[in-house]
Amino acid sequence: MNWITGRLRSFKYAFNGIRVLFEQPNARIHASVAAIVLACGFLLGLSGWEWAVVAVCIGGVLMAEAFNSAIEALADKISPDYDPLIGKAKDLAAGAVLLLVLGAVAAGLIIFFPKFIALF
């Protein structure tokens, strides 16, 4: 296998991972909220910096959800029965997603709240 074929194969696996991510209910919720945020951004005319923050927040939340789903899948394979340490790992991963979502919500409020207020 040459270098180019190997890189193309790695992209195939990455795109498959994205497809698997959006089979997860929480990722679908995140994607739906992201679509609403993007629509509001277009309607309100975000600046370049505001778009950059929104893009990083959306990408970060989806990335965190992907890591959380990966940890859950591995944990379920390793220990299908309840195990307190596996439970702790899964809770930590879910907590990490929640922390990032809260940060993204804060960034969104900072960006969007003044724009919504200016409409009224």
N, C-alpha and C. Protein backbone atom coordinates (compact mmCIF):
# COMPACT_ATOMS: atom_id res chain seq x y z
N MET A 1 0.86 -1.17 0.00
CA MET A 1 0.00 0.00 0.00
C MET A 1 0.91 1.24 0.00
N ASN A 2 0.64 2.15 -0.93
CA ASN A 2 1.46 3.36 -0.96
C ASN A 2 0.89 4.43 -0.01
N TRP A 3 1.63 5.52 0.10
CA TRP A 3 1.27 6.58 1.05
C TRP A 3 -0.10 7.17 0.74
N ILE A 4 -0.39 7.45 -0.51
CA ILE A 4 -1.67 8.07 -0.90
C ILE A 4 -2.83 7.14 -0.59
N THR A 5 -2.69 5.88 -0.92
CA THR A 5 -3.75 4.92 -0.63
C THR A 5 -4.02 4.83 0.86
N GLY A 6 -2.96 4.84 1.65
CA GLY A 6 -3.12 4.81 3.11
C GLY A 6 -3.85 6.03 3.63
N ARG A 7 -3.53 7.20 3.09
CA ARG A 7 -4.22 8.43 3.53
C ARG A 7 -5.69 8.40 3.11
N LEU A 8 -5.96 7.96 1.91
CA LEU A 8 -7.35 7.87 1.46
C LEU A 8 -8.15 6.90 2.33
N ARG A 9 -7.52 5.79 2.69
CA ARG A 9 -8.19 4.82 3.55
C ARG A 9 -8.47 5.42 4.92
N SER A 10 -7.54 6.23 5.45
CA SER A 10 -7.77 6.84 6.76
C SER A 10 -8.94 7.83 6.69
N PHE A 11 -9.09 8.53 5.58
CA PHE A 11 -10.25 9.42 5.43
C PHE A 11 -11.55 8.62 5.37
N LYS A 12 -11.49 7.46 4.73
CA LYS A 12 -12.67 6.59 4.66
C LYS A 12 -13.11 6.20 6.08
N TYR A 13 -12.16 5.83 6.91
CA TYR A 13 -12.48 5.47 8.29
C TYR A 13 -13.00 6.67 9.08
N ALA A 14 -12.40 7.82 8.85
CA ALA A 14 -12.84 9.03 9.56
C ALA A 14 -14.28 9.39 9.18
N PHE A 15 -14.59 9.34 7.88
CA PHE A 15 -15.96 9.65 7.46
C PHE A 15 -16.95 8.61 8.00
N ASN A 16 -16.51 7.36 8.10
CA ASN A 16 -17.37 6.35 8.70
C ASN A 16 -17.61 6.68 10.17
N GLY A 17 -16.59 7.16 10.86
CA GLY A 17 -16.76 7.56 12.26
C GLY A 17 -17.76 8.69 12.40
N ILE A 18 -17.74 9.65 11.49
CA ILE A 18 -18.72 10.74 11.52
C ILE A 18 -20.12 10.20 11.29
N ARG A 19 -20.25 9.26 10.36
CA ARG A 19 -21.56 8.65 10.11
C ARG A 19 -22.06 7.93 11.37
N VAL A 20 -21.18 7.19 12.02
CA VAL A 20 -21.55 6.48 13.25
C VAL A 20 -21.91 7.48 14.35
N LEU A 21 -21.19 8.58 14.43
CA LEU A 21 -21.48 9.60 15.43
C LEU A 21 -22.92 10.07 15.31
N PHE A 22 -23.36 10.35 14.08
CA PHE A 22 -24.71 10.90 13.91
C PHE A 22 -25.80 9.84 14.01
N GLU A 23 -25.43 8.61 14.30
CA GLU A 23 -26.41 7.59 14.68
C GLU A 23 -26.75 7.71 16.17
N GLN A 24 -25.93 8.46 16.90
CA GLN A 24 -26.14 8.63 18.35
C GLN A 24 -27.18 9.72 18.59
N PRO A 25 -28.17 9.46 19.44
CA PRO A 25 -29.22 10.47 19.68
C PRO A 25 -28.69 11.82 20.16
N ASN A 26 -27.72 11.83 21.07
CA ASN A 26 -27.21 13.10 21.56
C ASN A 26 -26.51 13.90 20.47
N ALA A 27 -25.81 13.22 19.58
CA ALA A 27 -25.14 13.91 18.48
C ALA A 27 -26.18 14.53 17.55
N ARG A 28 -27.29 13.87 17.36
CA ARG A 28 -28.36 14.44 16.53
C ARG A 28 -28.94 15.70 17.18
N ILE A 29 -29.06 15.67 18.50
CA ILE A 29 -29.54 16.86 19.21
C ILE A 29 -28.53 18.00 19.03
N HIS A 30 -27.25 17.72 19.22
CA HIS A 30 -26.21 18.73 19.05
C HIS A 30 -26.24 19.30 17.62
N ALA A 31 -26.41 18.42 16.64
CA ALA A 31 -26.43 18.86 15.24
C ALA A 31 -27.66 19.72 14.96
N SER A 32 -28.79 19.38 15.56
CA SER A 32 -30.00 20.19 15.37
C SER A 32 -29.82 21.58 15.97
N VAL A 33 -29.26 21.64 17.16
CA VAL A 33 -28.99 22.94 17.79
C VAL A 33 -27.99 23.72 16.95
N ALA A 34 -26.97 23.04 16.43
CA ALA A 34 -25.98 23.71 15.59
C ALA A 34 -26.64 24.31 14.35
N ALA A 35 -27.57 23.59 13.75
CA ALA A 35 -28.27 24.10 12.56
C ALA A 35 -29.05 25.37 12.91
N ILE A 36 -29.69 25.39 14.06
CA ILE A 36 -30.43 26.58 14.50
C ILE A 36 -29.47 27.74 14.73
N VAL A 37 -28.34 27.46 15.38
CA VAL A 37 -27.34 28.50 15.63
C VAL A 37 -26.80 29.05 14.31
N LEU A 38 -26.52 28.18 13.36
CA LEU A 38 -26.02 28.63 12.05
C LEU A 38 -27.05 29.51 11.35
N ALA A 39 -28.32 29.09 11.38
CA ALA A 39 -29.37 29.90 10.76
C ALA A 39 -29.47 31.27 11.41
N CYS A 40 -29.44 31.30 12.74
CA CYS A 40 -29.48 32.59 13.45
C CYS A 40 -28.26 33.44 13.10
N GLY A 41 -27.11 32.80 12.98
CA GLY A 41 -25.90 33.53 12.62
C GLY A 41 -26.02 34.19 11.26
N PHE A 42 -26.57 33.48 10.29
CA PHE A 42 -26.76 34.07 8.96
C PHE A 42 -27.77 35.20 9.01
N LEU A 43 -28.86 35.00 9.73
CA LEU A 43 -29.90 36.03 9.82
C LEU A 43 -29.41 37.29 10.54
N LEU A 44 -28.56 37.11 11.53
CA LEU A 44 -28.10 38.25 12.33
C LEU A 44 -26.78 38.86 11.83
N GLY A 45 -26.19 38.25 10.84
CA GLY A 45 -24.98 38.80 10.25
C GLY A 45 -23.78 38.81 11.19
N LEU A 46 -23.35 37.63 11.61
CA LEU A 46 -22.19 37.55 12.51
C LEU A 46 -20.92 38.05 11.83
N SER A 47 -20.03 38.59 12.63
CA SER A 47 -18.72 39.02 12.12
C SER A 47 -17.83 37.79 11.93
N GLY A 48 -16.69 38.00 11.33
CA GLY A 48 -15.75 36.89 11.13
C GLY A 48 -15.32 36.24 12.43
N TRP A 49 -15.01 37.05 13.43
CA TRP A 49 -14.60 36.50 14.73
C TRP A 49 -15.73 35.74 15.39
N GLU A 50 -16.94 36.26 15.26
CA GLU A 50 -18.09 35.56 15.85
C GLU A 50 -18.31 34.21 15.17
N TRP A 51 -18.17 34.18 13.84
CA TRP A 51 -18.28 32.90 13.12
C TRP A 51 -17.19 31.93 13.57
N ALA A 52 -15.99 32.45 13.80
CA ALA A 52 -14.89 31.59 14.23
C ALA A 52 -15.21 30.94 15.58
N VAL A 53 -15.74 31.74 16.50
CA VAL A 53 -16.11 31.20 17.82
C VAL A 53 -17.22 30.17 17.69
N VAL A 54 -18.22 30.48 16.88
CA VAL A 54 -19.33 29.54 16.67
C VAL A 54 -18.81 28.23 16.06
N ALA A 55 -17.94 28.33 15.07
CA ALA A 55 -17.40 27.13 14.42
C ALA A 55 -16.61 26.27 15.40
N VAL A 56 -15.78 26.91 16.22
CA VAL A 56 -14.99 26.15 17.20
C VAL A 56 -15.91 25.50 18.24
N CYS A 57 -16.93 26.22 18.67
CA CYS A 57 -17.87 25.65 19.65
C CYS A 57 -18.62 24.45 19.07
N ILE A 58 -19.13 24.59 17.85
CA ILE A 58 -19.87 23.48 17.23
C ILE A 58 -18.94 22.29 17.02
N GLY A 59 -17.77 22.55 16.45
CA GLY A 59 -16.82 21.46 16.23
C GLY A 59 -16.38 20.80 17.53
N GLY A 60 -16.15 21.62 18.55
CA GLY A 60 -15.72 21.08 19.84
C GLY A 60 -16.76 20.21 20.49
N VAL A 61 -18.01 20.66 20.46
CA VAL A 61 -19.08 19.87 21.08
C VAL A 61 -19.25 18.55 20.34
N LEU A 62 -19.24 18.58 19.01
CA LEU A 62 -19.38 17.33 18.25
C LEU A 62 -18.19 16.40 18.48
N MET A 63 -16.99 16.99 18.57
CA MET A 63 -15.80 16.18 18.85
C MET A 63 -15.91 15.53 20.24
N ALA A 64 -16.33 16.31 21.23
CA ALA A 64 -16.47 15.77 22.58
C ALA A 64 -17.51 14.65 22.60
N GLU A 65 -18.59 14.83 21.87
CA GLU A 65 -19.62 13.78 21.80
C GLU A 65 -19.07 12.53 21.13
N ALA A 66 -18.22 12.70 20.12
CA ALA A 66 -17.61 11.55 19.46
C ALA A 66 -16.70 10.79 20.43
N PHE A 67 -15.87 11.53 21.19
CA PHE A 67 -15.02 10.87 22.18
C PHE A 67 -15.86 10.17 23.25
N ASN A 68 -16.92 10.83 23.69
CA ASN A 68 -17.80 10.22 24.69
C ASN A 68 -18.41 8.93 24.15
N SER A 69 -18.89 8.97 22.92
CA SER A 69 -19.48 7.76 22.33
C SER A 69 -18.44 6.66 22.16
N ALA A 70 -17.21 7.04 21.80
CA ALA A 70 -16.15 6.04 21.65
C ALA A 70 -15.82 5.39 23.00
N ILE A 71 -15.74 6.19 24.03
CA ILE A 71 -15.46 5.66 25.37
C ILE A 71 -16.59 4.73 25.81
N GLU A 72 -17.82 5.14 25.58
CA GLU A 72 -18.96 4.29 25.95
C GLU A 72 -18.94 2.96 25.19
N ALA A 73 -18.64 3.01 23.89
CA ALA A 73 -18.60 1.77 23.10
C ALA A 73 -17.51 0.83 23.60
N LEU A 74 -16.32 1.38 23.85
CA LEU A 74 -15.24 0.54 24.37
C LEU A 74 -15.57 -0.01 25.75
N ALA A 75 -16.13 0.84 26.60
CA ALA A 75 -16.47 0.40 27.96
C ALA A 75 -17.52 -0.70 27.93
N ASP A 76 -18.51 -0.57 27.06
CA ASP A 76 -19.55 -1.60 26.97
C ASP A 76 -18.99 -2.92 26.44
N LYS A 77 -18.00 -2.84 25.56
CA LYS A 77 -17.36 -4.05 25.05
C LYS A 77 -16.53 -4.72 26.14
N ILE A 78 -15.80 -3.92 26.90
CA ILE A 78 -14.93 -4.45 27.95
C ILE A 78 -15.74 -5.04 29.10
N SER A 79 -16.79 -4.34 29.48
CA SER A 79 -17.57 -4.75 30.64
C SER A 79 -19.06 -4.55 30.39
N PRO A 80 -19.71 -5.55 29.77
CA PRO A 80 -21.14 -5.41 29.50
C PRO A 80 -21.98 -5.29 30.79
N ASP A 81 -21.49 -5.90 31.86
CA ASP A 81 -22.17 -5.79 33.14
C ASP A 81 -21.71 -4.52 33.85
N TYR A 82 -22.50 -4.07 34.81
CA TYR A 82 -22.15 -2.85 35.53
C TYR A 82 -20.84 -3.03 36.28
N ASP A 83 -19.99 -2.05 36.14
CA ASP A 83 -18.73 -2.00 36.88
C ASP A 83 -18.56 -0.56 37.34
N PRO A 84 -18.29 -0.33 38.62
CA PRO A 84 -18.20 1.05 39.12
C PRO A 84 -17.11 1.89 38.44
N LEU A 85 -15.99 1.29 38.10
CA LEU A 85 -14.94 2.06 37.43
C LEU A 85 -15.31 2.41 36.00
N ILE A 86 -15.95 1.47 35.32
CA ILE A 86 -16.45 1.76 33.97
C ILE A 86 -17.51 2.85 34.04
N GLY A 87 -18.38 2.76 35.04
CA GLY A 87 -19.41 3.79 35.23
C GLY A 87 -18.78 5.15 35.47
N LYS A 88 -17.70 5.17 36.25
CA LYS A 88 -17.01 6.43 36.53
C LYS A 88 -16.42 7.02 35.25
N ALA A 89 -15.80 6.17 34.43
CA ALA A 89 -15.21 6.63 33.17
C ALA A 89 -16.29 7.19 32.24
N LYS A 90 -17.42 6.49 32.17
CA LYS A 90 -18.50 6.96 31.31
C LYS A 90 -19.09 8.27 31.83
N ASP A 91 -19.22 8.38 33.14
CA ASP A 91 -19.73 9.63 33.73
C ASP A 91 -18.77 10.79 33.48
N LEU A 92 -17.48 10.54 33.60
CA LEU A 92 -16.50 11.59 33.33
C LEU A 92 -16.56 12.06 31.88
N ALA A 93 -16.70 11.11 30.96
CA ALA A 93 -16.79 11.47 29.54
C ALA A 93 -18.05 12.28 29.26
N ALA A 94 -19.16 11.86 29.85
CA ALA A 94 -20.42 12.60 29.67
C ALA A 94 -20.32 13.98 30.31
N GLY A 95 -19.67 14.05 31.46
CA GLY A 95 -19.47 15.34 32.13
C GLY A 95 -18.62 16.28 31.30
N ALA A 96 -17.62 15.74 30.61
CA ALA A 96 -16.77 16.56 29.75
C ALA A 96 -17.60 17.19 28.62
N VAL A 97 -18.50 16.40 28.04
CA VAL A 97 -19.37 16.94 27.00
C VAL A 97 -20.23 18.07 27.57
N LEU A 98 -20.80 17.82 28.74
CA LEU A 98 -21.66 18.83 29.35
C LEU A 98 -20.89 20.12 29.64
N LEU A 99 -19.66 20.00 30.14
CA LEU A 99 -18.86 21.20 30.40
C LEU A 99 -18.61 21.99 29.13
N LEU A 100 -18.30 21.29 28.04
CA LEU A 100 -18.07 21.99 26.78
C LEU A 100 -19.36 22.62 26.25
N VAL A 101 -20.47 21.93 26.40
CA VAL A 101 -21.75 22.49 25.98
C VAL A 101 -22.06 23.76 26.77
N LEU A 102 -21.81 23.74 28.08
CA LEU A 102 -22.06 24.93 28.89
C LEU A 102 -21.17 26.09 28.45
N GLY A 103 -19.92 25.81 28.12
CA GLY A 103 -19.04 26.84 27.60
C GLY A 103 -19.53 27.37 26.26
N ALA A 104 -20.01 26.48 25.41
CA ALA A 104 -20.54 26.90 24.10
C ALA A 104 -21.79 27.74 24.27
N VAL A 105 -22.64 27.37 25.21
CA VAL A 105 -23.84 28.17 25.49
C VAL A 105 -23.44 29.57 25.98
N ALA A 106 -22.44 29.64 26.85
CA ALA A 106 -21.98 30.93 27.33
C ALA A 106 -21.46 31.78 26.17
N ALA A 107 -20.65 31.18 25.30
CA ALA A 107 -20.14 31.91 24.13
C ALA A 107 -21.29 32.36 23.24
N GLY A 108 -22.27 31.47 23.07
CA GLY A 108 -23.43 31.82 22.25
C GLY A 108 -24.22 32.98 22.82
N LEU A 109 -24.38 32.98 24.13
CA LEU A 109 -25.10 34.10 24.76
C LEU A 109 -24.34 35.41 24.59
N ILE A 110 -23.03 35.35 24.74
CA ILE A 110 -22.21 36.56 24.57
C ILE A 110 -22.33 37.10 23.14
N ILE A 111 -22.37 36.21 22.18
CA ILE A 111 -22.46 36.62 20.77
C ILE A 111 -23.88 37.03 20.39
N PHE A 112 -24.87 36.20 20.74
CA PHE A 112 -26.22 36.39 20.20
C PHE A 112 -27.11 37.30 21.03
N PHE A 113 -26.94 37.32 22.34
CA PHE A 113 -27.87 38.10 23.18
C PHE A 113 -27.90 39.57 22.77
N PRO A 114 -26.76 40.24 22.62
CA PRO A 114 -26.82 41.66 22.21
C PRO A 114 -27.49 41.86 20.85
N LYS A 115 -27.31 40.89 19.96
CA LYS A 115 -27.91 41.00 18.62
C LYS A 115 -29.44 40.84 18.70
N PHE A 116 -29.91 39.94 19.55
CA PHE A 116 -31.35 39.77 19.72
C PHE A 116 -31.95 40.99 20.40
N ILE A 117 -31.26 41.53 21.39
CA ILE A 117 -31.74 42.73 22.10
C ILE A 117 -31.85 43.89 21.13
N ALA A 118 -30.89 44.03 20.22
CA ALA A 118 -30.89 45.13 19.25
C ALA A 118 -32.07 45.05 18.29
N LEU A 119 -32.65 43.86 18.12
CA LEU A 119 -33.81 43.72 17.24
C LEU A 119 -35.07 44.35 17.84
N PHE A 120 -35.11 44.48 19.17
CA PHE A 120 -36.33 44.94 19.83
C PHE A 120 -36.21 46.32 20.37
